Amino acid sequence: MSSRKERRQEGNSPLEALRIHKTDLSQDEFAFKCGIPRATYHRWISGATEPKFSLEQLKAICRELQIEKIDELPESFGPKKQSNQTNS
């Protein structure tokens, strides 16, 4: 059983939000079930690198997140970009 601490969302990643919302898996469990090295998963959700996954990994991500249509995937797995608006 995953503890609440292990399941907390890190940063502002849409992939992390989906993992928390749609699974009971920790980051490590999710990455393992999807065939993604843990460090790679962390780089994806932090925005340090763009995901370059295999078809097998993409299918596993969709399976674990119960995604049936490609449109249900986020545009990016990294943190959401903050707008640079300033009030003048």
N, C-alpha and C. Protein backbone atom coordinates (compact mmCIF):
# COMPACT_ATOMS: atom_id res chain seq x y z
N MET A 1 0.84 -1.17 0.00
CA MET A 1 0.00 0.00 0.00
C MET A 1 0.89 1.24 0.00
N SER A 2 0.54 2.22 -0.83
CA SER A 2 1.32 3.46 -0.93
C SER A 2 0.88 4.43 0.15
N SER A 3 1.85 5.12 0.71
CA SER A 3 1.50 6.12 1.71
C SER A 3 1.16 7.42 1.01
N ARG A 4 0.50 8.32 1.72
CA ARG A 4 0.12 9.61 1.17
C ARG A 4 1.37 10.39 0.75
N LYS A 5 2.42 10.30 1.55
CA LYS A 5 3.66 11.02 1.26
C LYS A 5 4.24 10.57 -0.08
N GLU A 6 4.24 9.26 -0.37
CA GLU A 6 4.80 8.74 -1.61
C GLU A 6 3.98 9.17 -2.82
N ARG A 7 2.69 9.46 -2.63
CA ARG A 7 1.81 9.76 -3.74
C ARG A 7 1.65 11.25 -3.99
N ARG A 8 2.29 12.09 -3.21
CA ARG A 8 2.11 13.53 -3.39
C ARG A 8 2.65 13.96 -4.76
N GLN A 9 2.05 14.99 -5.28
CA GLN A 9 2.44 15.50 -6.58
C GLN A 9 3.64 16.40 -6.44
N GLU A 10 4.60 16.22 -7.33
CA GLU A 10 5.77 17.09 -7.35
C GLU A 10 5.63 18.07 -8.50
N GLY A 11 5.72 19.33 -8.19
CA GLY A 11 5.69 20.35 -9.22
C GLY A 11 4.32 20.52 -9.83
N ASN A 12 4.32 20.95 -11.07
CA ASN A 12 3.10 21.33 -11.76
C ASN A 12 2.95 20.48 -13.03
N SER A 13 3.26 19.21 -12.95
CA SER A 13 3.26 18.33 -14.11
C SER A 13 1.88 17.73 -14.37
N PRO A 14 1.36 17.86 -15.60
CA PRO A 14 0.09 17.23 -15.93
C PRO A 14 0.14 15.71 -15.79
N LEU A 15 1.29 15.11 -16.09
CA LEU A 15 1.42 13.66 -15.94
C LEU A 15 1.30 13.26 -14.48
N GLU A 16 1.91 14.03 -13.60
CA GLU A 16 1.81 13.76 -12.16
C GLU A 16 0.37 13.93 -11.68
N ALA A 17 -0.31 14.96 -12.16
CA ALA A 17 -1.71 15.17 -11.77
C ALA A 17 -2.56 13.98 -12.19
N LEU A 18 -2.33 13.46 -13.39
CA LEU A 18 -3.07 12.29 -13.85
C LEU A 18 -2.75 11.05 -13.01
N ARG A 19 -1.46 10.87 -12.69
CA ARG A 19 -1.05 9.71 -11.88
C ARG A 19 -1.76 9.74 -10.53
N ILE A 20 -1.79 10.90 -9.89
CA ILE A 20 -2.43 11.04 -8.59
C ILE A 20 -3.94 10.81 -8.71
N HIS A 21 -4.55 11.39 -9.72
CA HIS A 21 -6.00 11.34 -9.89
C HIS A 21 -6.51 9.96 -10.30
N LYS A 22 -5.75 9.28 -11.17
CA LYS A 22 -6.27 8.05 -11.77
C LYS A 22 -5.66 6.75 -11.24
N THR A 23 -4.63 6.84 -10.39
CA THR A 23 -4.02 5.61 -9.88
C THR A 23 -3.80 5.71 -8.37
N ASP A 24 -3.47 4.59 -7.79
CA ASP A 24 -3.05 4.54 -6.39
C ASP A 24 -1.56 4.26 -6.31
N LEU A 25 -0.84 4.52 -7.38
CA LEU A 25 0.57 4.18 -7.48
C LEU A 25 1.47 5.33 -7.05
N SER A 26 2.59 4.99 -6.42
CA SER A 26 3.62 5.99 -6.16
C SER A 26 4.32 6.31 -7.48
N GLN A 27 5.15 7.33 -7.48
CA GLN A 27 5.93 7.65 -8.68
C GLN A 27 6.76 6.45 -9.12
N ASP A 28 7.44 5.83 -8.17
CA ASP A 28 8.31 4.70 -8.50
C ASP A 28 7.50 3.52 -9.05
N GLU A 29 6.36 3.23 -8.45
CA GLU A 29 5.51 2.13 -8.92
C GLU A 29 4.99 2.41 -10.33
N PHE A 30 4.56 3.65 -10.56
CA PHE A 30 4.04 4.03 -11.87
C PHE A 30 5.13 3.91 -12.93
N ALA A 31 6.29 4.45 -12.65
CA ALA A 31 7.41 4.38 -13.60
C ALA A 31 7.76 2.93 -13.90
N PHE A 32 7.83 2.09 -12.87
CA PHE A 32 8.17 0.68 -13.04
C PHE A 32 7.14 -0.02 -13.92
N LYS A 33 5.84 0.19 -13.63
CA LYS A 33 4.78 -0.47 -14.40
C LYS A 33 4.78 -0.02 -15.85
N CYS A 34 5.28 1.18 -16.11
CA CYS A 34 5.31 1.72 -17.46
C CYS A 34 6.64 1.44 -18.17
N GLY A 35 7.57 0.78 -17.48
CA GLY A 35 8.85 0.44 -18.08
C GLY A 35 9.76 1.65 -18.26
N ILE A 36 9.61 2.62 -17.38
CA ILE A 36 10.39 3.86 -17.46
C ILE A 36 11.35 3.91 -16.27
N PRO A 37 12.64 4.10 -16.49
CA PRO A 37 13.56 4.24 -15.36
C PRO A 37 13.11 5.40 -14.46
N ARG A 38 13.23 5.21 -13.16
CA ARG A 38 12.78 6.20 -12.18
C ARG A 38 13.38 7.58 -12.43
N ALA A 39 14.68 7.64 -12.66
CA ALA A 39 15.34 8.93 -12.89
C ALA A 39 14.80 9.60 -14.15
N THR A 40 14.52 8.82 -15.18
CA THR A 40 13.96 9.35 -16.42
C THR A 40 12.59 9.95 -16.17
N TYR A 41 11.75 9.23 -15.41
CA TYR A 41 10.42 9.72 -15.08
C TYR A 41 10.51 11.06 -14.36
N HIS A 42 11.42 11.16 -13.41
CA HIS A 42 11.59 12.41 -12.65
C HIS A 42 12.05 13.55 -13.55
N ARG A 43 12.92 13.24 -14.52
CA ARG A 43 13.35 14.29 -15.46
C ARG A 43 12.18 14.75 -16.33
N TRP A 44 11.30 13.81 -16.72
CA TRP A 44 10.13 14.16 -17.54
C TRP A 44 9.21 15.10 -16.78
N ILE A 45 8.86 14.74 -15.54
CA ILE A 45 7.88 15.53 -14.81
C ILE A 45 8.44 16.86 -14.30
N SER A 46 9.76 16.94 -14.19
CA SER A 46 10.38 18.20 -13.77
C SER A 46 10.60 19.13 -14.96
N GLY A 47 10.47 18.59 -16.17
CA GLY A 47 10.70 19.38 -17.37
C GLY A 47 12.16 19.45 -17.78
N ALA A 48 13.01 18.68 -17.10
CA ALA A 48 14.44 18.69 -17.43
C ALA A 48 14.70 18.10 -18.81
N THR A 49 13.89 17.13 -19.22
CA THR A 49 14.02 16.54 -20.55
C THR A 49 12.64 16.30 -21.14
N GLU A 50 12.58 16.30 -22.45
CA GLU A 50 11.35 15.94 -23.16
C GLU A 50 11.27 14.42 -23.23
N PRO A 51 10.08 13.86 -23.01
CA PRO A 51 9.95 12.41 -23.09
C PRO A 51 10.26 11.87 -24.48
N LYS A 52 11.02 10.81 -24.50
CA LYS A 52 11.30 10.05 -25.73
C LYS A 52 11.01 8.61 -25.36
N PHE A 53 9.74 8.22 -25.48
CA PHE A 53 9.35 6.90 -25.03
C PHE A 53 9.11 5.96 -26.20
N SER A 54 9.17 4.69 -25.89
CA SER A 54 8.86 3.68 -26.89
C SER A 54 7.35 3.52 -26.98
N LEU A 55 6.89 2.85 -28.02
CA LEU A 55 5.47 2.58 -28.16
C LEU A 55 4.97 1.74 -26.99
N GLU A 56 5.80 0.81 -26.54
CA GLU A 56 5.45 -0.03 -25.38
C GLU A 56 5.24 0.83 -24.12
N GLN A 57 6.12 1.80 -23.91
CA GLN A 57 5.99 2.69 -22.74
C GLN A 57 4.74 3.56 -22.87
N LEU A 58 4.49 4.08 -24.05
CA LEU A 58 3.30 4.91 -24.26
C LEU A 58 2.03 4.11 -24.01
N LYS A 59 1.99 2.89 -24.50
CA LYS A 59 0.83 2.03 -24.25
C LYS A 59 0.65 1.76 -22.76
N ALA A 60 1.75 1.54 -22.05
CA ALA A 60 1.68 1.29 -20.61
C ALA A 60 1.18 2.52 -19.87
N ILE A 61 1.65 3.70 -20.25
CA ILE A 61 1.19 4.94 -19.63
C ILE A 61 -0.32 5.06 -19.82
N CYS A 62 -0.79 4.85 -21.04
CA CYS A 62 -2.22 4.94 -21.33
C CYS A 62 -3.01 3.89 -20.54
N ARG A 63 -2.48 2.70 -20.44
CA ARG A 63 -3.16 1.62 -19.70
C ARG A 63 -3.27 1.99 -18.22
N GLU A 64 -2.18 2.42 -17.61
CA GLU A 64 -2.18 2.74 -16.19
C GLU A 64 -3.05 3.95 -15.87
N LEU A 65 -3.14 4.90 -16.80
CA LEU A 65 -3.94 6.10 -16.59
C LEU A 65 -5.36 5.96 -17.14
N GLN A 66 -5.68 4.78 -17.65
CA GLN A 66 -7.01 4.49 -18.20
C GLN A 66 -7.37 5.49 -19.31
N ILE A 67 -6.40 5.75 -20.16
CA ILE A 67 -6.58 6.66 -21.29
C ILE A 67 -6.90 5.82 -22.52
N GLU A 68 -8.02 6.14 -23.16
CA GLU A 68 -8.45 5.39 -24.34
C GLU A 68 -8.25 6.16 -25.64
N LYS A 69 -8.18 7.49 -25.55
CA LYS A 69 -8.03 8.32 -26.74
C LYS A 69 -6.78 9.17 -26.61
N ILE A 70 -6.06 9.32 -27.69
CA ILE A 70 -4.82 10.09 -27.68
C ILE A 70 -5.06 11.53 -27.22
N ASP A 71 -6.25 12.06 -27.48
CA ASP A 71 -6.57 13.43 -27.07
C ASP A 71 -6.62 13.59 -25.56
N GLU A 72 -6.71 12.49 -24.82
CA GLU A 72 -6.76 12.56 -23.36
C GLU A 72 -5.37 12.72 -22.74
N LEU A 73 -4.32 12.53 -23.54
CA LEU A 73 -2.96 12.73 -23.05
C LEU A 73 -2.65 14.22 -22.96
N PRO A 74 -1.87 14.63 -21.96
CA PRO A 74 -1.49 16.05 -21.89
C PRO A 74 -0.55 16.40 -23.03
N GLU A 75 -0.52 17.68 -23.39
CA GLU A 75 0.38 18.14 -24.45
C GLU A 75 1.84 17.99 -24.05
N SER A 76 2.11 18.13 -22.76
CA SER A 76 3.46 18.01 -22.23
C SER A 76 3.40 17.27 -20.90
N PHE A 77 4.45 16.53 -20.58
CA PHE A 77 4.50 15.82 -19.31
C PHE A 77 5.20 16.65 -18.23
N GLY A 78 5.92 17.68 -18.64
CA GLY A 78 6.65 18.52 -17.69
C GLY A 78 5.74 19.55 -17.05
N PRO A 79 6.32 20.40 -16.22
CA PRO A 79 5.54 21.43 -15.52
C PRO A 79 4.83 22.35 -16.50
N LYS A 80 3.65 22.82 -16.08
CA LYS A 80 2.93 23.80 -16.90
C LYS A 80 3.73 25.08 -16.90
N LYS A 81 3.78 25.70 -18.05
CA LYS A 81 4.50 26.97 -18.19
C LYS A 81 3.69 28.08 -17.53
N GLN A 82 4.37 28.92 -16.79
CA GLN A 82 3.74 30.07 -16.15
C GLN A 82 3.76 31.24 -17.14
N SER A 83 2.67 31.98 -17.20
CA SER A 83 2.66 33.15 -18.08
C SER A 83 3.53 34.24 -17.48
N ASN A 84 4.11 35.05 -18.31
CA ASN A 84 5.00 36.12 -17.87
C ASN A 84 4.28 37.47 -17.85
N GLN A 85 3.02 37.46 -17.48
CA GLN A 85 2.27 38.70 -17.45
C GLN A 85 2.65 39.51 -16.22
N THR A 86 2.76 40.80 -16.41
CA THR A 86 3.01 41.69 -15.28
C THR A 86 1.92 42.73 -15.28
N ASN A 87 1.51 43.14 -14.14
CA ASN A 87 0.51 44.19 -14.01
C ASN A 87 1.20 45.53 -14.00
N SER A 88 0.91 46.34 -15.02
CA SER A 88 1.55 47.66 -15.12
C SER A 88 0.55 48.74 -14.86
